Amino acid sequence: MQLRLRVTPKTGDVYEVETDMTVIVEWERKYKRRASDLAKGIGMEDLAFMAYQAAHQAGHTVPAVFDDFIKRTRKVDVVDQDDAHPTQGAPTDDN
């Protein structure tokens, strides 16, 4: 499972990070839940924690304490990676 997250800090530039297995396992350990539980819904704290871990891993400067990251972050969004048109349209006479 991989999520692309857009982090909007209260000050500074917006940036994007991607979760990986390490981030997901750290989330599972901290919250005592399984990744499959995310299919039922994902909370803001879940997204914030994943963004925090992924940002740290990617080399972004983050506070040492997770709660400080939350206080400094305006929002975290999941970036939609799905292609709106995953298949090509039917051929037309013009082609």
PDB file of N, CA and C in Angstrom:
ATOM      1  N   MET A   1       0.833  -1.174   0.000  1.00  0.00           N
ATOM      2  CA  MET A   1       0.000   0.000   0.000  1.00  0.00           C
ATOM      3  C   MET A   1       0.881   1.243   0.000  1.00  0.00           C
ATOM      4  N   GLN A   2       0.538   2.164  -0.854  1.00  0.00           N
ATOM      5  CA  GLN A   2       1.317   3.385  -0.945  1.00  0.00           C
ATOM      6  C   GLN A   2       0.357   4.553  -1.117  1.00  0.00           C
ATOM      7  N   LEU A   3       0.579   5.591  -0.320  1.00  0.00           N
ATOM      8  CA  LEU A   3      -0.220   6.808  -0.419  1.00  0.00           C
ATOM      9  C   LEU A   3       0.688   7.971  -0.778  1.00  0.00           C
ATOM     10  N   ARG A   4       0.196   8.866  -1.598  1.00  0.00           N
ATOM     11  CA  ARG A   4       0.902  10.121  -1.862  1.00  0.00           C
ATOM     12  C   ARG A   4       0.141  11.173  -1.064  1.00  0.00           C
ATOM     13  N   LEU A   5       0.877  11.872  -0.189  1.00  0.00           N
ATOM     14  CA  LEU A   5       0.267  12.849   0.697  1.00  0.00           C
ATOM     15  C   LEU A   5       0.809  14.247   0.419  1.00  0.00           C
ATOM     16  N   ARG A   6      -0.079  15.218   0.391  1.00  0.00           N
ATOM     17  CA  ARG A   6       0.308  16.623   0.234  1.00  0.00           C
ATOM     18  C   ARG A   6       0.215  17.274   1.608  1.00  0.00           C
ATOM     19  N   VAL A   7       1.338  17.810   2.066  1.00  0.00           N
ATOM     20  CA  VAL A   7       1.419  18.443   3.383  1.00  0.00           C
ATOM     21  C   VAL A   7       1.414  19.959   3.182  1.00  0.00           C
ATOM     22  N   THR A   8       0.469  20.616   3.848  1.00  0.00           N
ATOM     23  CA  THR A   8       0.396  22.072   3.807  1.00  0.00           C
ATOM     24  C   THR A   8       0.738  22.600   5.192  1.00  0.00           C
ATOM     25  N   PRO A   9       1.976  23.087   5.368  1.00  0.00           N
ATOM     26  CA  PRO A   9       2.355  23.638   6.663  1.00  0.00           C
ATOM     27  C   PRO A   9       1.698  25.001   6.883  1.00  0.00           C
ATOM     28  N   LYS A  10       1.625  25.433   8.139  1.00  0.00           N
ATOM     29  CA  LYS A  10       1.087  26.767   8.437  1.00  0.00           C
ATOM     30  C   LYS A  10       2.007  27.851   7.886  1.00  0.00           C
ATOM     31  N   THR A  11       3.312  27.572   7.860  1.00  0.00           N
ATOM     32  CA  THR A  11       4.273  28.472   7.216  1.00  0.00           C
ATOM     33  C   THR A  11       5.193  27.619   6.360  1.00  0.00           C
ATOM     34  N   GLY A  12       5.636  28.168   5.265  1.00  0.00           N
ATOM     35  CA  GLY A  12       6.523  27.412   4.381  1.00  0.00           C
ATOM     36  C   GLY A  12       5.785  26.860   3.183  1.00  0.00           C
ATOM     37  N   ASP A  13       6.518  26.123   2.369  1.00  0.00           N
ATOM     38  CA  ASP A  13       5.993  25.606   1.112  1.00  0.00           C
ATOM     39  C   ASP A  13       5.273  24.275   1.287  1.00  0.00           C
ATOM     40  N   VAL A  14       4.250  24.076   0.479  1.00  0.00           N
ATOM     41  CA  VAL A  14       3.539  22.803   0.396  1.00  0.00           C
ATOM     42  C   VAL A  14       4.476  21.786  -0.234  1.00  0.00           C
ATOM     43  N   TYR A  15       4.432  20.543   0.240  1.00  0.00           N
ATOM     44  CA  TYR A  15       5.254  19.494  -0.348  1.00  0.00           C
ATOM     45  C   TYR A  15       4.488  18.177  -0.343  1.00  0.00           C
ATOM     46  N   GLU A  16       4.949  17.240  -1.154  1.00  0.00           N
ATOM     47  CA  GLU A  16       4.323  15.920  -1.229  1.00  0.00           C
ATOM     48  C   GLU A  16       5.320  14.854  -0.823  1.00  0.00           C
ATOM     49  N   VAL A  17       4.799  13.825  -0.163  1.00  0.00           N
ATOM     50  CA  VAL A  17       5.597  12.674   0.241  1.00  0.00           C
ATOM     51  C   VAL A  17       4.819  11.405  -0.064  1.00  0.00           C
ATOM     52  N   GLU A  18       5.527  10.296  -0.145  1.00  0.00           N
ATOM     53  CA  GLU A  18       4.880   9.003  -0.368  1.00  0.00           C
ATOM     54  C   GLU A  18       5.169   8.081   0.790  1.00  0.00           C
ATOM     55  N   THR A  19       4.147   7.348   1.193  1.00  0.00           N
ATOM     56  CA  THR A  19       4.343   6.341   2.224  1.00  0.00           C
ATOM     57  C   THR A  19       4.988   5.117   1.577  1.00  0.00           C
ATOM     58  N   ASP A  20       5.588   4.296   2.398  1.00  0.00           N
ATOM     59  CA  ASP A  20       6.122   3.022   1.944  1.00  0.00           C
ATOM     60  C   ASP A  20       5.889   2.011   3.052  1.00  0.00           C
ATOM     61  N   MET A  21       6.437   0.829   2.897  1.00  0.00           N
ATOM     62  CA  MET A  21       6.214  -0.221   3.877  1.00  0.00           C
ATOM     63  C   MET A  21       6.680   0.192   5.276  1.00  0.00           C
ATOM     64  N   THR A  22       7.807   0.890   5.353  1.00  0.00           N
ATOM     65  CA  THR A  22       8.330   1.320   6.647  1.00  0.00           C
ATOM     66  C   THR A  22       7.336   2.223   7.362  1.00  0.00           C
ATOM     67  N   VAL A  23       6.791   3.189   6.647  1.00  0.00           N
ATOM     68  CA  VAL A  23       5.826   4.120   7.238  1.00  0.00           C
ATOM     69  C   VAL A  23       4.578   3.378   7.706  1.00  0.00           C
ATOM     70  N   ILE A  24       4.067   2.478   6.879  1.00  0.00           N
ATOM     71  CA  ILE A  24       2.852   1.745   7.226  1.00  0.00           C
ATOM     72  C   ILE A  24       3.088   0.849   8.443  1.00  0.00           C
ATOM     73  N   VAL A  25       4.219   0.176   8.502  1.00  0.00           N
ATOM     74  CA  VAL A  25       4.528  -0.684   9.658  1.00  0.00           C
ATOM     75  C   VAL A  25       4.667   0.162  10.923  1.00  0.00           C
ATOM     76  N   GLU A  26       5.312   1.323  10.816  1.00  0.00           N
ATOM     77  CA  GLU A  26       5.421   2.205  11.983  1.00  0.00           C
ATOM     78  C   GLU A  26       4.037   2.640  12.455  1.00  0.00           C
ATOM     79  N   TRP A  27       3.140   2.930  11.516  1.00  0.00           N
ATOM     80  CA  TRP A  27       1.762   3.296  11.857  1.00  0.00           C
ATOM     81  C   TRP A  27       1.057   2.124  12.549  1.00  0.00           C
ATOM     82  N   GLU A  28       1.201   0.919  11.983  1.00  0.00           N
ATOM     83  CA  GLU A  28       0.572  -0.268  12.592  1.00  0.00           C
ATOM     84  C   GLU A  28       1.056  -0.476  14.020  1.00  0.00           C
ATOM     85  N   ARG A  29       2.363  -0.343  14.239  1.00  0.00           N
ATOM     86  CA  ARG A  29       2.925  -0.547  15.575  1.00  0.00           C
ATOM     87  C   ARG A  29       2.421   0.498  16.568  1.00  0.00           C
ATOM     88  N   LYS A  30       2.377   1.746  16.137  1.00  0.00           N
ATOM     89  CA  LYS A  30       1.958   2.825  17.037  1.00  0.00           C
ATOM     90  C   LYS A  30       0.486   2.717  17.405  1.00  0.00           C
ATOM     91  N   TYR A  31      -0.361   2.445  16.425  1.00  0.00           N
ATOM     92  CA  TYR A  31      -1.806   2.468  16.648  1.00  0.00           C
ATOM     93  C   TYR A  31      -2.431   1.085  16.840  1.00  0.00           C
ATOM     94  N   LYS A  32      -1.603   0.043  16.804  1.00  0.00           N
ATOM     95  CA  LYS A  32      -2.079  -1.340  17.022  1.00  0.00           C
ATOM     96  C   LYS A  32      -3.250  -1.675  16.093  1.00  0.00           C
ATOM     97  N   ARG A  33      -3.095  -1.301  14.828  1.00  0.00           N
ATOM     98  CA  ARG A  33      -4.087  -1.593  13.807  1.00  0.00           C
ATOM     99  C   ARG A  33      -3.387  -2.192  12.601  1.00  0.00           C
ATOM    100  N   ARG A  34      -4.152  -2.760  11.702  1.00  0.00           N
ATOM    101  CA  ARG A  34      -3.615  -3.334  10.464  1.00  0.00           C
ATOM    102  C   ARG A  34      -3.872  -2.389   9.306  1.00  0.00           C
ATOM    103  N   ALA A  35      -3.013  -2.451   8.320  1.00  0.00           N
ATOM    104  CA  ALA A  35      -3.190  -1.618   7.126  1.00  0.00           C
ATOM    105  C   ALA A  35      -4.549  -1.878   6.481  1.00  0.00           C
ATOM    106  N   SER A  36      -5.027  -3.102   6.553  1.00  0.00           N
ATOM    107  CA  SER A  36      -6.339  -3.422   5.965  1.00  0.00           C
ATOM    108  C   SER A  36      -7.467  -2.656   6.656  1.00  0.00           C
ATOM    109  N   ASP A  37      -7.255  -2.205   7.890  1.00  0.00           N
ATOM    110  CA  ASP A  37      -8.262  -1.403   8.596  1.00  0.00           C
ATOM    111  C   ASP A  37      -8.503  -0.064   7.911  1.00  0.00           C
ATOM    112  N   LEU A  38      -7.543   0.396   7.127  1.00  0.00           N
ATOM    113  CA  LEU A  38      -7.674   1.686   6.460  1.00  0.00           C
ATOM    114  C   LEU A  38      -8.805   1.685   5.435  1.00  0.00           C
ATOM    115  N   ALA A  39      -9.200   0.503   4.963  1.00  0.00           N
ATOM    116  CA  ALA A  39     -10.299   0.413   4.004  1.00  0.00           C
ATOM    117  C   ALA A  39     -11.618   0.873   4.633  1.00  0.00           C
ATOM    118  N   LYS A  40     -11.707   0.814   5.948  1.00  0.00           N
ATOM    119  CA  LYS A  40     -12.917   1.232   6.660  1.00  0.00           C
ATOM    120  C   LYS A  40     -12.948   2.741   6.868  1.00  0.00           C
ATOM    121  N   GLY A  41     -11.852   3.404   6.617  1.00  0.00           N
ATOM    122  CA  GLY A  41     -11.764   4.850   6.798  1.00  0.00           C
ATOM    123  C   GLY A  41     -10.446   5.217   7.448  1.00  0.00           C
ATOM    124  N   ILE A  42     -10.006   6.429   7.186  1.00  0.00           N
ATOM    125  CA  ILE A  42      -8.730   6.876   7.717  1.00  0.00           C
ATOM    126  C   ILE A  42      -8.947   8.214   8.417  1.00  0.00           C
ATOM    127  N   GLY A  43      -8.419   8.328   9.614  1.00  0.00           N
ATOM    128  CA  GLY A  43      -8.578   9.539  10.399  1.00  0.00           C
ATOM    129  C   GLY A  43      -7.476  10.548  10.111  1.00  0.00           C
ATOM    130  N   MET A  44      -7.707  11.773  10.550  1.00  0.00           N
ATOM    131  CA  MET A  44      -6.705  12.825  10.352  1.00  0.00           C
ATOM    132  C   MET A  44      -5.412  12.517  11.095  1.00  0.00           C
ATOM    133  N   GLU A  45      -5.514  11.943  12.296  1.00  0.00           N
ATOM    134  CA  GLU A  45      -4.285  11.609  13.016  1.00  0.00           C
ATOM    135  C   GLU A  45      -3.496  10.547  12.262  1.00  0.00           C
ATOM    136  N   ASP A  46      -4.202   9.599  11.644  1.00  0.00           N
ATOM    137  CA  ASP A  46      -3.530   8.581  10.835  1.00  0.00           C
ATOM    138  C   ASP A  46      -2.759   9.239   9.685  1.00  0.00           C
ATOM    139  N   LEU A  47      -3.432  10.131   8.959  1.00  0.00           N
ATOM    140  CA  LEU A  47      -2.782  10.822   7.838  1.00  0.00           C
ATOM    141  C   LEU A  47      -1.610  11.666   8.313  1.00  0.00           C
ATOM    142  N   ALA A  48      -1.813  12.371   9.427  1.00  0.00           N
ATOM    143  CA  ALA A  48      -0.745  13.221   9.955  1.00  0.00           C
ATOM    144  C   ALA A  48       0.462  12.389  10.350  1.00  0.00           C
ATOM    145  N   PHE A  49       0.239  11.248  10.997  1.00  0.00           N
ATOM    146  CA  PHE A  49       1.348  10.398  11.412  1.00  0.00           C
ATOM    147  C   PHE A  49       2.104   9.863  10.198  1.00  0.00           C
ATOM    148  N   MET A  50       1.361   9.407   9.191  1.00  0.00           N
ATOM    149  CA  MET A  50       2.012   8.892   7.989  1.00  0.00           C
ATOM    150  C   MET A  50       2.789   9.994   7.274  1.00  0.00           C
ATOM    151  N   ALA A  51       2.204  11.198   7.203  1.00  0.00           N
ATOM    152  CA  ALA A  51       2.898  12.326   6.571  1.00  0.00           C
ATOM    153  C   ALA A  51       4.159  12.674   7.359  1.00  0.00           C
ATOM    154  N   TYR A  52       4.067  12.669   8.669  1.00  0.00           N
ATOM    155  CA  TYR A  52       5.204  12.975   9.545  1.00  0.00           C
ATOM    156  C   TYR A  52       6.345  11.989   9.310  1.00  0.00           C
ATOM    157  N   GLN A  53       6.025  10.708   9.317  1.00  0.00           N
ATOM    158  CA  GLN A  53       7.040   9.673   9.121  1.00  0.00           C
ATOM    159  C   GLN A  53       7.625   9.741   7.708  1.00  0.00           C
ATOM    160  N   ALA A  54       6.768   9.895   6.713  1.00  0.00           N
ATOM    161  CA  ALA A  54       7.232   9.937   5.327  1.00  0.00           C
ATOM    162  C   ALA A  54       8.076  11.188   5.066  1.00  0.00           C
ATOM    163  N   ALA A  55       7.687  12.315   5.665  1.00  0.00           N
ATOM    164  CA  ALA A  55       8.454  13.549   5.488  1.00  0.00           C
ATOM    165  C   ALA A  55       9.833  13.409   6.113  1.00  0.00           C
ATOM    166  N   HIS A  56       9.880  12.833   7.292  1.00  0.00           N
ATOM    167  CA  HIS A  56      11.170  12.603   7.963  1.00  0.00           C
ATOM    168  C   HIS A  56      12.060  11.704   7.104  1.00  0.00           C
ATOM    169  N   GLN A  57      11.481  10.636   6.590  1.00  0.00           N
ATOM    170  CA  GLN A  57      12.213   9.686   5.750  1.00  0.00           C
ATOM    171  C   GLN A  57      12.736  10.343   4.473  1.00  0.00           C
ATOM    172  N   ALA A  58      11.944  11.284   3.933  1.00  0.00           N
ATOM    173  CA  ALA A  58      12.308  11.937   2.673  1.00  0.00           C
ATOM    174  C   ALA A  58      13.305  13.077   2.867  1.00  0.00           C
ATOM    175  N   GLY A  59      13.651  13.358   4.119  1.00  0.00           N
ATOM    176  CA  GLY A  59      14.651  14.390   4.378  1.00  0.00           C
ATOM    177  C   GLY A  59      14.099  15.774   4.653  1.00  0.00           C
ATOM    178  N   HIS A  60      12.782  15.890   4.782  1.00  0.00           N
ATOM    179  CA  HIS A  60      12.195  17.179   5.163  1.00  0.00           C
ATOM    180  C   HIS A  60      12.488  17.424   6.646  1.00  0.00           C
ATOM    181  N   THR A  61      12.639  18.673   7.004  1.00  0.00           N
ATOM    182  CA  THR A  61      12.848  19.014   8.404  1.00  0.00           C
ATOM    183  C   THR A  61      11.509  18.953   9.119  1.00  0.00           C
ATOM    184  N   VAL A  62      11.421  18.052  10.096  1.00  0.00           N
ATOM    185  CA  VAL A  62      10.206  17.929  10.900  1.00  0.00           C
ATOM    186  C   VAL A  62      10.592  18.026  12.370  1.00  0.00           C
ATOM    187  N   PRO A  63       9.668  18.466  13.228  1.00  0.00           N
ATOM    188  CA  PRO A  63       9.964  18.537  14.660  1.00  0.00           C
ATOM    189  C   PRO A  63      10.253  17.147  15.225  1.00  0.00           C
ATOM    190  N   ALA A  64      10.975  17.101  16.311  1.00  0.00           N
ATOM    191  CA  ALA A  64      11.290  15.819  16.949  1.00  0.00           C
ATOM    192  C   ALA A  64      10.050  15.167  17.554  1.00  0.00           C
ATOM    193  N   VAL A  65       9.068  15.975  17.903  1.00  0.00           N
ATOM    194  CA  VAL A  65       7.850  15.473  18.548  1.00  0.00           C
ATOM    195  C   VAL A  65       6.685  15.546  17.561  1.00  0.00           C
ATOM    196  N   PHE A  66       5.974  14.434  17.388  1.00  0.00           N
ATOM    197  CA  PHE A  66       4.863  14.343  16.439  1.00  0.00           C
ATOM    198  C   PHE A  66       3.806  15.421  16.695  1.00  0.00           C
ATOM    199  N   ASP A  67       3.443  15.662  17.946  1.00  0.00           N
ATOM    200  CA  ASP A  67       2.423  16.671  18.253  1.00  0.00           C
ATOM    201  C   ASP A  67       2.836  18.062  17.777  1.00  0.00           C
ATOM    202  N   ASP A  68       4.123  18.356  17.774  1.00  0.00           N
ATOM    203  CA  ASP A  68       4.601  19.640  17.264  1.00  0.00           C
ATOM    204  C   ASP A  68       4.413  19.722  15.743  1.00  0.00           C
ATOM    205  N   PHE A  69       4.576  18.592  15.061  1.00  0.00           N
ATOM    206  CA  PHE A  69       4.308  18.536  13.620  1.00  0.00           C
ATOM    207  C   PHE A  69       2.844  18.875  13.359  1.00  0.00           C
ATOM    208  N   ILE A  70       1.947  18.292  14.158  1.00  0.00           N
ATOM    209  CA  ILE A  70       0.513  18.552  14.005  1.00  0.00           C
ATOM    210  C   ILE A  70       0.230  20.048  14.199  1.00  0.00           C
ATOM    211  N   LYS A  71       0.805  20.640  15.228  1.00  0.00           N
ATOM    212  CA  LYS A  71       0.573  22.061  15.517  1.00  0.00           C
ATOM    213  C   LYS A  71       1.065  22.966  14.391  1.00  0.00           C
ATOM    214  N   ARG A  72       2.071  22.527  13.660  1.00  0.00           N
ATOM    215  CA  ARG A  72       2.665  23.345  12.594  1.00  0.00           C
ATOM    216  C   ARG A  72       2.087  23.050  11.214  1.00  0.00           C
ATOM    217  N   THR A  73       1.136  22.123  11.145  1.00  0.00           N
ATOM    218  CA  THR A  73       0.580  21.706   9.860  1.00  0.00           C
ATOM    219  C   THR A  73      -0.856  22.182   9.715  1.00  0.00           C
ATOM    220  N   ARG A  74      -1.139  22.841   8.599  1.00  0.00           N
ATOM    221  CA  ARG A  74      -2.498  23.317   8.329  1.00  0.00           C
ATOM    222  C   ARG A  74      -3.399  22.159   7.890  1.00  0.00           C
ATOM    223  N   LYS A  75      -2.877  21.305   6.968  1.00  0.00           N
ATOM    224  CA  LYS A  75      -3.665  20.148   6.521  1.00  0.00           C
ATOM    225  C   LYS A  75      -2.789  19.143   5.805  1.00  0.00           C
ATOM    226  N   VAL A  76      -3.304  17.918   5.729  1.00  0.00           N
ATOM    227  CA  VAL A  76      -2.685  16.830   4.973  1.00  0.00           C
ATOM    228  C   VAL A  76      -3.780  16.250   4.084  1.00  0.00           C
ATOM    229  N   ASP A  77      -3.490  16.154   2.798  1.00  0.00           N
ATOM    230  CA  ASP A  77      -4.457  15.611   1.838  1.00  0.00           C
ATOM    231  C   ASP A  77      -3.866  14.401   1.142  1.00  0.00           C
ATOM    232  N   VAL A  78      -4.726  13.448   0.825  1.00  0.00           N
ATOM    233  CA  VAL A  78      -4.326  12.337  -0.031  1.00  0.00           C
ATOM    234  C   VAL A  78      -4.428  12.836  -1.458  1.00  0.00           C
ATOM    235  N   VAL A  79      -3.351  12.706  -2.218  1.00  0.00           N
ATOM    236  CA  VAL A  79      -3.330  13.154  -3.601  1.00  0.00           C
ATOM    237  C   VAL A  79      -3.938  12.054  -4.457  1.00  0.00           C
ATOM    238  N   ASP A  80      -4.912  12.412  -5.267  1.00  0.00           N
ATOM    239  CA  ASP A  80      -5.575  11.452  -6.140  1.00  0.00           C
ATOM    240  C   ASP A  80      -4.639  11.102  -7.286  1.00  0.00           C
ATOM    241  N   GLN A  81      -4.237   9.836  -7.347  1.00  0.00           N
ATOM    242  CA  GLN A  81      -3.331   9.404  -8.402  1.00  0.00           C
ATOM    243  C   GLN A  81      -4.041   8.646  -9.506  1.00  0.00           C
ATOM    244  N   ASP A  82      -5.336   8.401  -9.333  1.00  0.00           N
ATOM    245  CA  ASP A  82      -6.068   7.636 -10.339  1.00  0.00           C
ATOM    246  C   ASP A  82      -6.217   8.451 -11.603  1.00  0.00           C
ATOM    247  N   ASP A  83      -5.986   7.809 -12.715  1.00  0.00           N
ATOM    248  CA  ASP A  83      -6.174   8.440 -14.015  1.00  0.00           C
ATOM    249  C   ASP A  83      -7.671   8.536 -14.271  1.00  0.00           C
ATOM    250  N   ALA A  84      -8.147   9.698 -14.615  1.00  0.00           N
ATOM    251  CA  ALA A  84      -9.579   9.883 -14.870  1.00  0.00           C
ATOM    252  C   ALA A  84     -10.067   9.035 -16.042  1.00  0.00           C
ATOM    253  N   HIS A  85      -9.170   8.729 -16.989  1.00  0.00           N
ATOM    254  CA  HIS A  85      -9.517   7.917 -18.153  1.00  0.00           C
ATOM    255  C   HIS A  85      -8.463   6.816 -18.304  1.00  0.00           C
ATOM    256  N   PRO A  86      -8.583   5.748 -17.514  1.00  0.00           N
ATOM    257  CA  PRO A  86      -7.534   4.731 -17.516  1.00  0.00           C
ATOM    258  C   PRO A  86      -7.420   3.928 -18.801  1.00  0.00           C
ATOM    259  N   THR A  87      -8.447   3.962 -19.637  1.00  0.00           N
ATOM    260  CA  THR A  87      -8.374   3.254 -20.919  1.00  0.00           C
ATOM    261  C   THR A  87      -8.598   4.256 -22.039  1.00  0.00           C
ATOM    262  N   GLN A  88      -8.119   3.920 -23.202  1.00  0.00           N
ATOM    263  CA  GLN A  88      -8.315   4.798 -24.343  1.00  0.00           C
ATOM    264  C   GLN A  88      -9.751   4.693 -24.824  1.00  0.00           C
ATOM    265  N   GLY A  89     -10.233   5.767 -25.400  1.00  0.00           N
ATOM    266  CA  GLY A  89     -11.572   5.760 -25.959  1.00  0.00           C
ATOM    267  C   GLY A  89     -11.644   4.885 -27.198  1.00  0.00           C
ATOM    268  N   ALA A  90     -12.855   4.613 -27.608  1.00  0.00           N
ATOM    269  CA  ALA A  90     -13.056   3.807 -28.820  1.00  0.00           C
ATOM    270  C   ALA A  90     -12.542   4.565 -30.033  1.00  0.00           C
ATOM    271  N   PRO A  91     -11.979   3.838 -30.993  1.00  0.00           N
ATOM    272  CA  PRO A  91     -11.492   4.516 -32.212  1.00  0.00           C
ATOM    273  C   PRO A  91     -12.642   5.154 -32.976  1.00  0.00           C
ATOM    274  N   THR A  92     -12.342   6.255 -33.617  1.00  0.00           N
ATOM    275  CA  THR A  92     -13.353   6.934 -34.426  1.00  0.00           C
ATOM    276  C   THR A  92     -12.960   6.825 -35.903  1.00  0.00           C
ATOM    277  N   ASP A  93     -13.853   7.229 -36.783  1.00  0.00           N
ATOM    278  CA  ASP A  93     -13.565   7.188 -38.221  1.00  0.00           C
ATOM    279  C   ASP A  93     -12.448   8.152 -38.595  1.00  0.00           C
ATOM    280  N   ASP A  94     -12.209   9.162 -37.747  1.00  0.00           N
ATOM    281  CA  ASP A  94     -11.180  10.156 -38.018  1.00  0.00           C
ATOM    282  C   ASP A  94      -9.779   9.584 -37.812  1.00  0.00           C
ATOM    283  N   ASN A  95      -9.630   8.456 -37.087  1.00  0.00           N
ATOM    284  CA  ASN A  95      -8.306   7.909 -36.768  1.00  0.00           C
ATOM    285  C   ASN A  95      -7.789   7.049 -37.859  1.00  0.00           C
TER     286      ASN A  95
END
